[in-house]
Amino acid sequence: MNAYSEDLRVKVIEYTELGHSRKEACEVFGVCLRSVTKWIKLKKETGSLSIDHVPRGPHKLFKEELTAYVKANPDAYIREIADHFGCGRTTVHDALKRNGITYKKTPFIPGKGRR
């Protein structure tokens, strides 16, 4: 699906700034309410409606950085690694698996052996 043009976004925002509701703007310009809401938020946060200015987080963890961190912190939990890199637990898990780093922790319970 293609993004709406910046020109259309500007027209929709100007229409709402003239006192019309978001719902009216949706009906007049043929866009969904969610898009209008996102555009208003984007303009408020960045001052622009260009999609090039949308901040994005990191998309992947690099093998060298992840390997170095795991070697330096062998007892770190996946949630701690995720906090360090500023990403989600699933991202860390997938990166560990993709890079062939085994990271299973099996706790030892006295009297019962391994759990």
PDB file of N, CA and C in Angstrom:
ATOM      1  N   MET A   1       0.837  -1.170   0.000  1.00  0.00           N
ATOM      2  CA  MET A   1       0.000   0.000   0.000  1.00  0.00           C
ATOM      3  C   MET A   1       0.888   1.241   0.000  1.00  0.00           C
ATOM      4  N   ASN A   2       0.575   2.173  -0.829  1.00  0.00           N
ATOM      5  CA  ASN A   2       1.359   3.395  -0.930  1.00  0.00           C
ATOM      6  C   ASN A   2       0.921   4.408   0.111  1.00  0.00           C
ATOM      7  N   ALA A   3       1.855   5.222   0.549  1.00  0.00           N
ATOM      8  CA  ALA A   3       1.552   6.281   1.509  1.00  0.00           C
ATOM      9  C   ALA A   3       0.841   7.430   0.800  1.00  0.00           C
ATOM     10  N   TYR A   4       0.051   8.159   1.564  1.00  0.00           N
ATOM     11  CA  TYR A   4      -0.606   9.335   1.009  1.00  0.00           C
ATOM     12  C   TYR A   4       0.444  10.414   0.751  1.00  0.00           C
ATOM     13  N   SER A   5       0.189  11.259  -0.240  1.00  0.00           N
ATOM     14  CA  SER A   5       1.153  12.316  -0.566  1.00  0.00           C
ATOM     15  C   SER A   5       1.195  13.355   0.549  1.00  0.00           C
ATOM     16  N   GLU A   6       2.329  14.022   0.629  1.00  0.00           N
ATOM     17  CA  GLU A   6       2.494  15.058   1.646  1.00  0.00           C
ATOM     18  C   GLU A   6       1.531  16.218   1.397  1.00  0.00           C
ATOM     19  N   ASP A   7       1.237  16.486   0.134  1.00  0.00           N
ATOM     20  CA  ASP A   7       0.311  17.552  -0.222  1.00  0.00           C
ATOM     21  C   ASP A   7      -1.088  17.269   0.354  1.00  0.00           C
ATOM     22  N   LEU A   8      -1.545  16.031   0.231  1.00  0.00           N
ATOM     23  CA  LEU A   8      -2.849  15.658   0.779  1.00  0.00           C
ATOM     24  C   LEU A   8      -2.845  15.782   2.299  1.00  0.00           C
ATOM     25  N   ARG A   9      -1.775  15.370   2.924  1.00  0.00           N
ATOM     26  CA  ARG A   9      -1.687  15.472   4.381  1.00  0.00           C
ATOM     27  C   ARG A   9      -1.805  16.923   4.838  1.00  0.00           C
ATOM     28  N   VAL A  10      -1.102  17.815   4.141  1.00  0.00           N
ATOM     29  CA  VAL A  10      -1.146  19.239   4.484  1.00  0.00           C
ATOM     30  C   VAL A  10      -2.571  19.764   4.347  1.00  0.00           C
ATOM     31  N   LYS A  11      -3.259  19.385   3.284  1.00  0.00           N
ATOM     32  CA  LYS A  11      -4.637  19.847   3.074  1.00  0.00           C
ATOM     33  C   LYS A  11      -5.562  19.357   4.191  1.00  0.00           C
ATOM     34  N   VAL A  12      -5.392  18.099   4.583  1.00  0.00           N
ATOM     35  CA  VAL A  12      -6.230  17.528   5.641  1.00  0.00           C
ATOM     36  C   VAL A  12      -5.977  18.252   6.965  1.00  0.00           C
ATOM     37  N   ILE A  13      -4.716  18.481   7.301  1.00  0.00           N
ATOM     38  CA  ILE A  13      -4.382  19.163   8.555  1.00  0.00           C
ATOM     39  C   ILE A  13      -4.901  20.601   8.540  1.00  0.00           C
ATOM     40  N   GLU A  14      -4.739  21.305   7.421  1.00  0.00           N
ATOM     41  CA  GLU A  14      -5.255  22.679   7.315  1.00  0.00           C
ATOM     42  C   GLU A  14      -6.771  22.697   7.484  1.00  0.00           C
ATOM     43  N   TYR A  15      -7.447  21.687   6.935  1.00  0.00           N
ATOM     44  CA  TYR A  15      -8.902  21.590   7.043  1.00  0.00           C
ATOM     45  C   TYR A  15      -9.320  21.428   8.508  1.00  0.00           C
ATOM     46  N   THR A  16      -8.590  20.601   9.248  1.00  0.00           N
ATOM     47  CA  THR A  16      -8.923  20.414  10.668  1.00  0.00           C
ATOM     48  C   THR A  16      -8.580  21.661  11.483  1.00  0.00           C
ATOM     49  N   GLU A  17      -7.539  22.377  11.086  1.00  0.00           N
ATOM     50  CA  GLU A  17      -7.158  23.588  11.808  1.00  0.00           C
ATOM     51  C   GLU A  17      -8.153  24.725  11.585  1.00  0.00           C
ATOM     52  N   LEU A  18      -8.949  24.647  10.527  1.00  0.00           N
ATOM     53  CA  LEU A  18      -9.992  25.643  10.268  1.00  0.00           C
ATOM     54  C   LEU A  18     -11.224  25.428  11.146  1.00  0.00           C
ATOM     55  N   GLY A  19     -11.205  24.371  11.966  1.00  0.00           N
ATOM     56  CA  GLY A  19     -12.310  24.134  12.885  1.00  0.00           C
ATOM     57  C   GLY A  19     -13.157  22.924  12.558  1.00  0.00           C
ATOM     58  N   HIS A  20     -12.836  22.234  11.472  1.00  0.00           N
ATOM     59  CA  HIS A  20     -13.600  21.037  11.120  1.00  0.00           C
ATOM     60  C   HIS A  20     -13.104  19.857  11.953  1.00  0.00           C
ATOM     61  N   SER A  21     -13.987  18.906  12.182  1.00  0.00           N
ATOM     62  CA  SER A  21     -13.602  17.737  12.972  1.00  0.00           C
ATOM     63  C   SER A  21     -12.772  16.769  12.131  1.00  0.00           C
ATOM     64  N   ARG A  22     -12.116  15.874  12.818  1.00  0.00           N
ATOM     65  CA  ARG A  22     -11.319  14.850  12.121  1.00  0.00           C
ATOM     66  C   ARG A  22     -12.210  13.964  11.265  1.00  0.00           C
ATOM     67  N   LYS A  23     -13.383  13.662  11.802  1.00  0.00           N
ATOM     68  CA  LYS A  23     -14.312  12.806  11.069  1.00  0.00           C
ATOM     69  C   LYS A  23     -14.775  13.473   9.772  1.00  0.00           C
ATOM     70  N   GLU A  24     -15.043  14.773   9.835  1.00  0.00           N
ATOM     71  CA  GLU A  24     -15.423  15.508   8.629  1.00  0.00           C
ATOM     72  C   GLU A  24     -14.289  15.494   7.611  1.00  0.00           C
ATOM     73  N   ALA A  25     -13.064  15.659   8.083  1.00  0.00           N
ATOM     74  CA  ALA A  25     -11.902  15.625   7.190  1.00  0.00           C
ATOM     75  C   ALA A  25     -11.790  14.264   6.508  1.00  0.00           C
ATOM     76  N   CYS A  26     -12.089  13.212   7.247  1.00  0.00           N
ATOM     77  CA  CYS A  26     -12.046  11.857   6.667  1.00  0.00           C
ATOM     78  C   CYS A  26     -13.044  11.714   5.526  1.00  0.00           C
ATOM     79  N   GLU A  27     -14.252  12.225   5.742  1.00  0.00           N
ATOM     80  CA  GLU A  27     -15.290  12.113   4.729  1.00  0.00           C
ATOM     81  C   GLU A  27     -14.983  12.970   3.501  1.00  0.00           C
ATOM     82  N   VAL A  28     -14.469  14.176   3.709  1.00  0.00           N
ATOM     83  CA  VAL A  28     -14.186  15.091   2.603  1.00  0.00           C
ATOM     84  C   VAL A  28     -13.025  14.592   1.751  1.00  0.00           C
ATOM     85  N   PHE A  29     -11.957  14.118   2.400  1.00  0.00           N
ATOM     86  CA  PHE A  29     -10.745  13.747   1.666  1.00  0.00           C
ATOM     87  C   PHE A  29     -10.620  12.246   1.391  1.00  0.00           C
ATOM     88  N   GLY A  30     -11.520  11.442   1.943  1.00  0.00           N
ATOM     89  CA  GLY A  30     -11.504  10.015   1.667  1.00  0.00           C
ATOM     90  C   GLY A  30     -10.336   9.268   2.300  1.00  0.00           C
ATOM     91  N   VAL A  31      -9.968   9.658   3.514  1.00  0.00           N
ATOM     92  CA  VAL A  31      -8.906   8.963   4.250  1.00  0.00           C
ATOM     93  C   VAL A  31      -9.493   8.453   5.557  1.00  0.00           C
ATOM     94  N   CYS A  32      -8.786   7.545   6.201  1.00  0.00           N
ATOM     95  CA  CYS A  32      -9.317   6.975   7.438  1.00  0.00           C
ATOM     96  C   CYS A  32      -8.964   7.854   8.638  1.00  0.00           C
ATOM     97  N   LEU A  33      -9.741   7.713   9.685  1.00  0.00           N
ATOM     98  CA  LEU A  33      -9.575   8.510  10.894  1.00  0.00           C
ATOM     99  C   LEU A  33      -8.209   8.276  11.531  1.00  0.00           C
ATOM    100  N   ARG A  34      -7.740   7.048  11.495  1.00  0.00           N
ATOM    101  CA  ARG A  34      -6.435   6.716  12.077  1.00  0.00           C
ATOM    102  C   ARG A  34      -5.323   7.509  11.398  1.00  0.00           C
ATOM    103  N   SER A  35      -5.389   7.639  10.091  1.00  0.00           N
ATOM    104  CA  SER A  35      -4.365   8.399   9.358  1.00  0.00           C
ATOM    105  C   SER A  35      -4.370   9.864   9.774  1.00  0.00           C
ATOM    106  N   VAL A  36      -5.547  10.441   9.868  1.00  0.00           N
ATOM    107  CA  VAL A  36      -5.645  11.850  10.253  1.00  0.00           C
ATOM    108  C   VAL A  36      -5.067  12.053  11.653  1.00  0.00           C
ATOM    109  N   THR A  37      -5.408  11.165  12.570  1.00  0.00           N
ATOM    110  CA  THR A  37      -4.900  11.260  13.933  1.00  0.00           C
ATOM    111  C   THR A  37      -3.376  11.154  13.962  1.00  0.00           C
ATOM    112  N   LYS A  38      -2.820  10.212  13.191  1.00  0.00           N
ATOM    113  CA  LYS A  38      -1.369  10.059  13.136  1.00  0.00           C
ATOM    114  C   LYS A  38      -0.691  11.290  12.537  1.00  0.00           C
ATOM    115  N   TRP A  39      -1.302  11.889  11.530  1.00  0.00           N
ATOM    116  CA  TRP A  39      -0.711  13.065  10.895  1.00  0.00           C
ATOM    117  C   TRP A  39      -0.701  14.254  11.846  1.00  0.00           C
ATOM    118  N   ILE A  40      -1.781  14.420  12.599  1.00  0.00           N
ATOM    119  CA  ILE A  40      -1.837  15.518  13.573  1.00  0.00           C
ATOM    120  C   ILE A  40      -0.751  15.323  14.632  1.00  0.00           C
ATOM    121  N   LYS A  41      -0.609  14.105  15.096  1.00  0.00           N
ATOM    122  CA  LYS A  41       0.429  13.805  16.095  1.00  0.00           C
ATOM    123  C   LYS A  41       1.824  14.036  15.508  1.00  0.00           C
ATOM    124  N   LEU A  42       2.048  13.599  14.274  1.00  0.00           N
ATOM    125  CA  LEU A  42       3.346  13.768  13.618  1.00  0.00           C
ATOM    126  C   LEU A  42       3.691  15.253  13.463  1.00  0.00           C
ATOM    127  N   LYS A  43       2.706  16.056  13.066  1.00  0.00           N
ATOM    128  CA  LYS A  43       2.962  17.491  12.893  1.00  0.00           C
ATOM    129  C   LYS A  43       3.265  18.145  14.233  1.00  0.00           C
ATOM    130  N   LYS A  44       2.563  17.724  15.282  1.00  0.00           N
ATOM    131  CA  LYS A  44       2.781  18.296  16.607  1.00  0.00           C
ATOM    132  C   LYS A  44       4.179  17.945  17.132  1.00  0.00           C
ATOM    133  N   GLU A  45       4.625  16.712  16.877  1.00  0.00           N
ATOM    134  CA  GLU A  45       5.911  16.244  17.410  1.00  0.00           C
ATOM    135  C   GLU A  45       7.098  16.726  16.589  1.00  0.00           C
ATOM    136  N   THR A  46       6.973  16.728  15.265  1.00  0.00           N
ATOM    137  CA  THR A  46       8.127  17.042  14.411  1.00  0.00           C
ATOM    138  C   THR A  46       8.012  18.374  13.688  1.00  0.00           C
ATOM    139  N   GLY A  47       6.805  18.920  13.596  1.00  0.00           N
ATOM    140  CA  GLY A  47       6.603  20.165  12.866  1.00  0.00           C
ATOM    141  C   GLY A  47       6.518  19.968  11.362  1.00  0.00           C
ATOM    142  N   SER A  48       6.549  18.716  10.925  1.00  0.00           N
ATOM    143  CA  SER A  48       6.513  18.401   9.499  1.00  0.00           C
ATOM    144  C   SER A  48       5.587  17.221   9.269  1.00  0.00           C
ATOM    145  N   LEU A  49       5.137  17.072   8.043  1.00  0.00           N
ATOM    146  CA  LEU A  49       4.301  15.925   7.701  1.00  0.00           C
ATOM    147  C   LEU A  49       5.025  14.953   6.781  1.00  0.00           C
ATOM    148  N   SER A  50       6.301  15.163   6.587  1.00  0.00           N
ATOM    149  CA  SER A  50       7.093  14.282   5.749  1.00  0.00           C
ATOM    150  C   SER A  50       7.366  12.977   6.490  1.00  0.00           C
ATOM    151  N   ILE A  51       7.203  11.854   5.811  1.00  0.00           N
ATOM    152  CA  ILE A  51       7.424  10.568   6.472  1.00  0.00           C
ATOM    153  C   ILE A  51       8.909  10.268   6.650  1.00  0.00           C
ATOM    154  N   ASP A  52       9.779  11.083   6.049  1.00  0.00           N
ATOM    155  CA  ASP A  52      11.211  10.879   6.222  1.00  0.00           C
ATOM    156  C   ASP A  52      11.661  11.238   7.628  1.00  0.00           C
ATOM    157  N   HIS A  53      10.849  11.995   8.371  1.00  0.00           N
ATOM    158  CA  HIS A  53      11.237  12.466   9.680  1.00  0.00           C
ATOM    159  C   HIS A  53      10.722  11.592  10.818  1.00  0.00           C
ATOM    160  N   VAL A  54      10.110  10.475  10.513  1.00  0.00           N
ATOM    161  CA  VAL A  54       9.580   9.613  11.557  1.00  0.00           C
ATOM    162  C   VAL A  54      10.746   8.879  12.218  1.00  0.00           C
ATOM    163  N   PRO A  55      10.931   9.054  13.547  1.00  0.00           N
ATOM    164  CA  PRO A  55      12.042   8.371  14.210  1.00  0.00           C
ATOM    165  C   PRO A  55      11.791   6.872  14.299  1.00  0.00           C
ATOM    166  N   ARG A  56      12.802   6.114  14.083  1.00  0.00           N
ATOM    167  CA  ARG A  56      12.692   4.655  14.136  1.00  0.00           C
ATOM    168  C   ARG A  56      13.750   4.102  15.076  1.00  0.00           C
ATOM    169  N   GLY A  57      13.461   2.966  15.682  1.00  0.00           N
ATOM    170  CA  GLY A  57      14.419   2.297  16.549  1.00  0.00           C
ATOM    171  C   GLY A  57      15.329   1.394  15.738  1.00  0.00           C
ATOM    172  N   PRO A  58      16.271   0.765  16.403  1.00  0.00           N
ATOM    173  CA  PRO A  58      17.161  -0.140  15.685  1.00  0.00           C
ATOM    174  C   PRO A  58      16.388  -1.342  15.144  1.00  0.00           C
ATOM    175  N   HIS A  59      16.749  -1.797  13.963  1.00  0.00           N
ATOM    176  CA  HIS A  59      16.025  -2.889  13.329  1.00  0.00           C
ATOM    177  C   HIS A  59      16.630  -4.251  13.627  1.00  0.00           C
ATOM    178  N   LYS A  60      17.918  -4.275  13.934  1.00  0.00           N
ATOM    179  CA  LYS A  60      18.515  -5.570  14.230  1.00  0.00           C
ATOM    180  C   LYS A  60      19.721  -5.375  15.125  1.00  0.00           C
ATOM    181  N   LEU A  61      20.074  -6.452  15.790  1.00  0.00           N
ATOM    182  CA  LEU A  61      21.266  -6.445  16.624  1.00  0.00           C
ATOM    183  C   LEU A  61      22.419  -6.997  15.799  1.00  0.00           C
ATOM    184  N   PHE A  62      23.569  -6.382  15.914  1.00  0.00           N
ATOM    185  CA  PHE A  62      24.716  -6.846  15.159  1.00  0.00           C
ATOM    186  C   PHE A  62      25.429  -7.949  15.930  1.00  0.00           C
ATOM    187  N   LYS A  63      25.852  -8.958  15.203  1.00  0.00           N
ATOM    188  CA  LYS A  63      26.421 -10.155  15.797  1.00  0.00           C
ATOM    189  C   LYS A  63      27.618  -9.832  16.694  1.00  0.00           C
ATOM    190  N   GLU A  64      28.501  -8.945  16.233  1.00  0.00           N
ATOM    191  CA  GLU A  64      29.713  -8.644  17.001  1.00  0.00           C
ATOM    192  C   GLU A  64      29.367  -7.999  18.345  1.00  0.00           C
ATOM    193  N   GLU A  65      28.447  -7.040  18.324  1.00  0.00           N
ATOM    194  CA  GLU A  65      28.061  -6.353  19.558  1.00  0.00           C
ATOM    195  C   GLU A  65      27.364  -7.310  20.522  1.00  0.00           C
ATOM    196  N   LEU A  66      26.468  -8.123  19.994  1.00  0.00           N
ATOM    197  CA  LEU A  66      25.732  -9.068  20.818  1.00  0.00           C
ATOM    198  C   LEU A  66      26.674 -10.112  21.410  1.00  0.00           C
ATOM    199  N   THR A  67      27.566 -10.649  20.593  1.00  0.00           N
ATOM    200  CA  THR A  67      28.518 -11.655  21.067  1.00  0.00           C
ATOM    201  C   THR A  67      29.418 -11.077  22.151  1.00  0.00           C
ATOM    202  N   ALA A  68      29.904  -9.858  21.937  1.00  0.00           N
ATOM    203  CA  ALA A  68      30.767  -9.218  22.926  1.00  0.00           C
ATOM    204  C   ALA A  68      30.032  -9.006  24.250  1.00  0.00           C
ATOM    205  N   TYR A  69      28.778  -8.588  24.173  1.00  0.00           N
ATOM    206  CA  TYR A  69      28.008  -8.355  25.391  1.00  0.00           C
ATOM    207  C   TYR A  69      27.765  -9.664  26.138  1.00  0.00           C
ATOM    208  N   VAL A  70      27.429 -10.724  25.407  1.00  0.00           N
ATOM    209  CA  VAL A  70      27.159 -12.013  26.045  1.00  0.00           C
ATOM    210  C   VAL A  70      28.434 -12.571  26.685  1.00  0.00           C
ATOM    211  N   LYS A  71      29.584 -12.394  26.023  1.00  0.00           N
ATOM    212  CA  LYS A  71      30.853 -12.853  26.613  1.00  0.00           C
ATOM    213  C   LYS A  71      31.198 -12.059  27.861  1.00  0.00           C
ATOM    214  N   ALA A  72      30.931 -10.758  27.846  1.00  0.00           N
ATOM    215  CA  ALA A  72      31.240  -9.917  28.996  1.00  0.00           C
ATOM    216  C   ALA A  72      30.245 -10.111  30.142  1.00  0.00           C
ATOM    217  N   ASN A  73      29.036 -10.527  29.809  1.00  0.00           N
ATOM    218  CA  ASN A  73      27.973 -10.706  30.806  1.00  0.00           C
ATOM    219  C   ASN A  73      27.311 -12.071  30.624  1.00  0.00           C
ATOM    220  N   PRO A  74      28.019 -13.157  30.936  1.00  0.00           N
ATOM    221  CA  PRO A  74      27.463 -14.488  30.654  1.00  0.00           C
ATOM    222  C   PRO A  74      26.245 -14.844  31.507  1.00  0.00           C
ATOM    223  N   ASP A  75      26.034 -14.154  32.621  1.00  0.00           N
ATOM    224  CA  ASP A  75      24.902 -14.462  33.488  1.00  0.00           C
ATOM    225  C   ASP A  75      23.703 -13.546  33.253  1.00  0.00           C
ATOM    226  N   ALA A  76      23.786 -12.678  32.257  1.00  0.00           N
ATOM    227  CA  ALA A  76      22.691 -11.740  31.989  1.00  0.00           C
ATOM    228  C   ALA A  76      21.486 -12.477  31.411  1.00  0.00           C
ATOM    229  N   TYR A  77      20.317 -12.068  31.854  1.00  0.00           N
ATOM    230  CA  TYR A  77      19.084 -12.619  31.314  1.00  0.00           C
ATOM    231  C   TYR A  77      18.735 -11.906  30.009  1.00  0.00           C
ATOM    232  N   ILE A  78      17.853 -12.530  29.232  1.00  0.00           N
ATOM    233  CA  ILE A  78      17.463 -11.946  27.956  1.00  0.00           C
ATOM    234  C   ILE A  78      16.841 -10.571  28.166  1.00  0.00           C
ATOM    235  N   ARG A  79      16.067 -10.395  29.227  1.00  0.00           N
ATOM    236  CA  ARG A  79      15.462  -9.083  29.485  1.00  0.00           C
ATOM    237  C   ARG A  79      16.523  -8.027  29.775  1.00  0.00           C
ATOM    238  N   GLU A  80      17.625  -8.425  30.427  1.00  0.00           N
ATOM    239  CA  GLU A  80      18.712  -7.478  30.700  1.00  0.00           C
ATOM    240  C   GLU A  80      19.451  -7.099  29.419  1.00  0.00           C
ATOM    241  N   ILE A  81      19.625  -8.065  28.539  1.00  0.00           N
ATOM    242  CA  ILE A  81      20.260  -7.781  27.244  1.00  0.00           C
ATOM    243  C   ILE A  81      19.370  -6.849  26.428  1.00  0.00           C
ATOM    244  N   ALA A  82      18.067  -7.120  26.454  1.00  0.00           N
ATOM    245  CA  ALA A  82      17.113  -6.280  25.721  1.00  0.00           C
ATOM    246  C   ALA A  82      17.139  -4.850  26.253  1.00  0.00           C
ATOM    247  N   ASP A  83      17.206  -4.691  27.560  1.00  0.00           N
ATOM    248  CA  ASP A  83      17.276  -3.343  28.144  1.00  0.00           C
ATOM    249  C   ASP A  83      18.564  -2.639  27.737  1.00  0.00           C
ATOM    250  N   HIS A  84      19.663  -3.386  27.706  1.00  0.00           N
ATOM    251  CA  HIS A  84      20.957  -2.795  27.327  1.00  0.00           C
ATOM    252  C   HIS A  84      20.933  -2.271  25.884  1.00  0.00           C
ATOM    253  N   PHE A  85      20.348  -3.047  24.971  1.00  0.00           N
ATOM    254  CA  PHE A  85      20.329  -2.666  23.558  1.00  0.00           C
ATOM    255  C   PHE A  85      19.111  -1.824  23.180  1.00  0.00           C
ATOM    256  N   GLY A  86      18.165  -1.656  24.110  1.00  0.00           N
ATOM    257  CA  GLY A  86      16.983  -0.845  23.832  1.00  0.00           C
ATOM    258  C   GLY A  86      16.041  -1.493  22.841  1.00  0.00           C
ATOM    259  N   CYS A  87      15.841  -2.785  22.975  1.00  0.00           N
ATOM    260  CA  CYS A  87      14.942  -3.498  22.072  1.00  0.00           C
ATOM    261  C   CYS A  87      14.104  -4.478  22.886  1.00  0.00           C
ATOM    262  N   GLY A  88      13.307  -5.279  22.211  1.00  0.00           N
ATOM    263  CA  GLY A  88      12.444  -6.233  22.881  1.00  0.00           C
ATOM    264  C   GLY A  88      13.125  -7.563  23.133  1.00  0.00           C
ATOM    265  N   ARG A  89      12.520  -8.338  24.013  1.00  0.00           N
ATOM    266  CA  ARG A  89      13.068  -9.669  24.349  1.00  0.00           C
ATOM    267  C   ARG A  89      13.057 -10.598  23.139  1.00  0.00           C
ATOM    268  N   THR A  90      12.005 -10.511  22.352  1.00  0.00           N
ATOM    269  CA  THR A  90      11.911 -11.368  21.173  1.00  0.00           C
ATOM    270  C   THR A  90      13.027 -11.051  20.183  1.00  0.00           C
ATOM    271  N   THR A  91      13.369  -9.781  20.058  1.00  0.00           N
ATOM    272  CA  THR A  91      14.456  -9.382  19.163  1.00  0.00           C
ATOM    273  C   THR A  91      15.760 -10.019  19.599  1.00  0.00           C
ATOM    274  N   VAL A  92      16.024  -9.996  20.915  1.00  0.00           N
ATOM    275  CA  VAL A  92      17.252 -10.600  21.442  1.00  0.00           C
ATOM    276  C   VAL A  92      17.229 -12.104  21.223  1.00  0.00           C
ATOM    277  N   HIS A  93      16.117 -12.731  21.522  1.00  0.00           N
ATOM    278  CA  HIS A  93      16.015 -14.184  21.359  1.00  0.00           C
ATOM    279  C   HIS A  93      16.267 -14.586  19.914  1.00  0.00           C
ATOM    280  N   ASP A  94      15.622 -13.876  18.994  1.00  0.00           N
ATOM    281  CA  ASP A  94      15.784 -14.187  17.576  1.00  0.00           C
ATOM    282  C   ASP A  94      17.220 -13.950  17.109  1.00  0.00           C
ATOM    283  N   ALA A  95      17.847 -12.877  17.604  1.00  0.00           N
ATOM    284  CA  ALA A  95      19.235 -12.582  17.215  1.00  0.00           C
ATOM    285  C   ALA A  95      20.189 -13.639  17.746  1.00  0.00           C
ATOM    286  N   LEU A  96      19.973 -14.079  18.978  1.00  0.00           N
ATOM    287  CA  LEU A  96      20.813 -15.142  19.536  1.00  0.00           C
ATOM    288  C   LEU A  96      20.678 -16.417  18.714  1.00  0.00           C
ATOM    289  N   LYS A  97      19.458 -16.766  18.386  1.00  0.00           N
ATOM    290  CA  LYS A  97      19.203 -17.975  17.604  1.00  0.00           C
ATOM    291  C   LYS A  97      19.795 -17.857  16.200  1.00  0.00           C
ATOM    292  N   ARG A  98      19.590 -16.709  15.555  1.00  0.00           N
ATOM    293  CA  ARG A  98      20.089 -16.477  14.203  1.00  0.00           C
ATOM    294  C   ARG A  98      21.618 -16.544  14.148  1.00  0.00           C
ATOM    295  N   ASN A  99      22.273 -16.085  15.206  1.00  0.00           N
ATOM    296  CA  ASN A  99      23.728 -16.063  15.233  1.00  0.00           C
ATOM    297  C   ASN A  99      24.343 -17.318  15.829  1.00  0.00           C
ATOM    298  N   GLY A 100      23.501 -18.289  16.168  1.00  0.00           N
ATOM    299  CA  GLY A 100      24.003 -19.567  16.667  1.00  0.00           C
ATOM    300  C   GLY A 100      24.559 -19.504  18.075  1.00  0.00           C
ATOM    301  N   ILE A 101      24.095 -18.544  18.861  1.00  0.00           N
ATOM    302  CA  ILE A 101      24.547 -18.423  20.247  1.00  0.00           C
ATOM    303  C   ILE A 101      23.536 -19.134  21.128  1.00  0.00           C
ATOM    304  N   THR A 102      23.973 -20.208  21.773  1.00  0.00           N
ATOM    305  CA  THR A 102      23.063 -20.918  22.668  1.00  0.00           C
ATOM    306  C   THR A 102      23.056 -20.189  23.997  1.00  0.00           C
ATOM    307  N   TYR A 103      21.892 -20.057  24.570  1.00  0.00           N
ATOM    308  CA  TYR A 103      21.768 -19.231  25.746  1.00  0.00           C
ATOM    309  C   TYR A 103      20.774 -19.818  26.731  1.00  0.00           C
ATOM    310  N   LYS A 104      20.755 -21.112  26.889  1.00  0.00           N
ATOM    311  CA  LYS A 104      19.807 -21.748  27.785  1.00  0.00           C
ATOM    312  C   LYS A 104      20.373 -21.783  29.190  1.00  0.00           C
ATOM    313  N   LYS A 105      19.547 -21.422  30.140  1.00  0.00           N
ATOM    314  CA  LYS A 105      19.940 -21.495  31.539  1.00  0.00           C
ATOM    315  C   LYS A 105      19.057 -22.544  32.194  1.00  0.00           C
ATOM    316  N   THR A 106      19.667 -23.545  32.780  1.00  0.00           N
ATOM    317  CA  THR A 106      18.930 -24.579  33.482  1.00  0.00           C
ATOM    318  C   THR A 106      19.300 -24.493  34.956  1.00  0.00           C
ATOM    319  N   PRO A 107      18.382 -24.039  35.790  1.00  0.00           N
ATOM    320  CA  PRO A 107      18.715 -23.885  37.205  1.00  0.00           C
ATOM    321  C   PRO A 107      18.911 -25.233  37.892  1.00  0.00           C
ATOM    322  N   PHE A 108      19.807 -25.269  38.859  1.00  0.00           N
ATOM    323  CA  PHE A 108      20.072 -26.485  39.631  1.00  0.00           C
ATOM    324  C   PHE A 108      19.295 -26.399  40.930  1.00  0.00           C
ATOM    325  N   ILE A 109      18.510 -27.441  41.216  1.00  0.00           N
ATOM    326  CA  ILE A 109      17.723 -27.484  42.445  1.00  0.00           C
ATOM    327  C   ILE A 109      18.354 -28.543  43.345  1.00  0.00           C
ATOM    328  N   PRO A 110      18.886 -28.158  44.503  1.00  0.00           N
ATOM    329  CA  PRO A 110      19.531 -29.132  45.404  1.00  0.00           C
ATOM    330  C   PRO A 110      18.585 -30.253  45.784  1.00  0.00           C
ATOM    331  N   GLY A 111      19.089 -31.494  45.728  1.00  0.00           N
ATOM    332  CA  GLY A 111      18.308 -32.660  46.101  1.00  0.00           C
ATOM    333  C   GLY A 111      17.480 -33.225  44.959  1.00  0.00           C
ATOM    334  N   LYS A 112      17.226 -32.449  43.946  1.00  0.00           N
ATOM    335  CA  LYS A 112      16.415 -32.927  42.833  1.00  0.00           C
ATOM    336  C   LYS A 112      17.177 -32.935  41.528  1.00  0.00           C
ATOM    337  N   GLY A 113      18.383 -32.450  41.548  1.00  0.00           N
ATOM    338  CA  GLY A 113      19.141 -32.405  40.313  1.00  0.00           C
ATOM    339  C   GLY A 113      18.715 -31.240  39.462  1.00  0.00           C
ATOM    340  N   ARG A 114      18.770 -31.437  38.162  1.00  0.00           N
ATOM    341  CA  ARG A 114      18.383 -30.347  37.255  1.00  0.00           C
ATOM    342  C   ARG A 114      16.877 -30.293  37.084  1.00  0.00           C
ATOM    343  N   ARG A 115      16.412 -29.176  36.859  1.00  0.00           N
ATOM    344  CA  ARG A 115      14.976 -28.970  36.694  1.00  0.00           C
ATOM    345  C   ARG A 115      14.565 -29.121  35.261  1.00  0.00           C
TER     346      ARG A 115
END
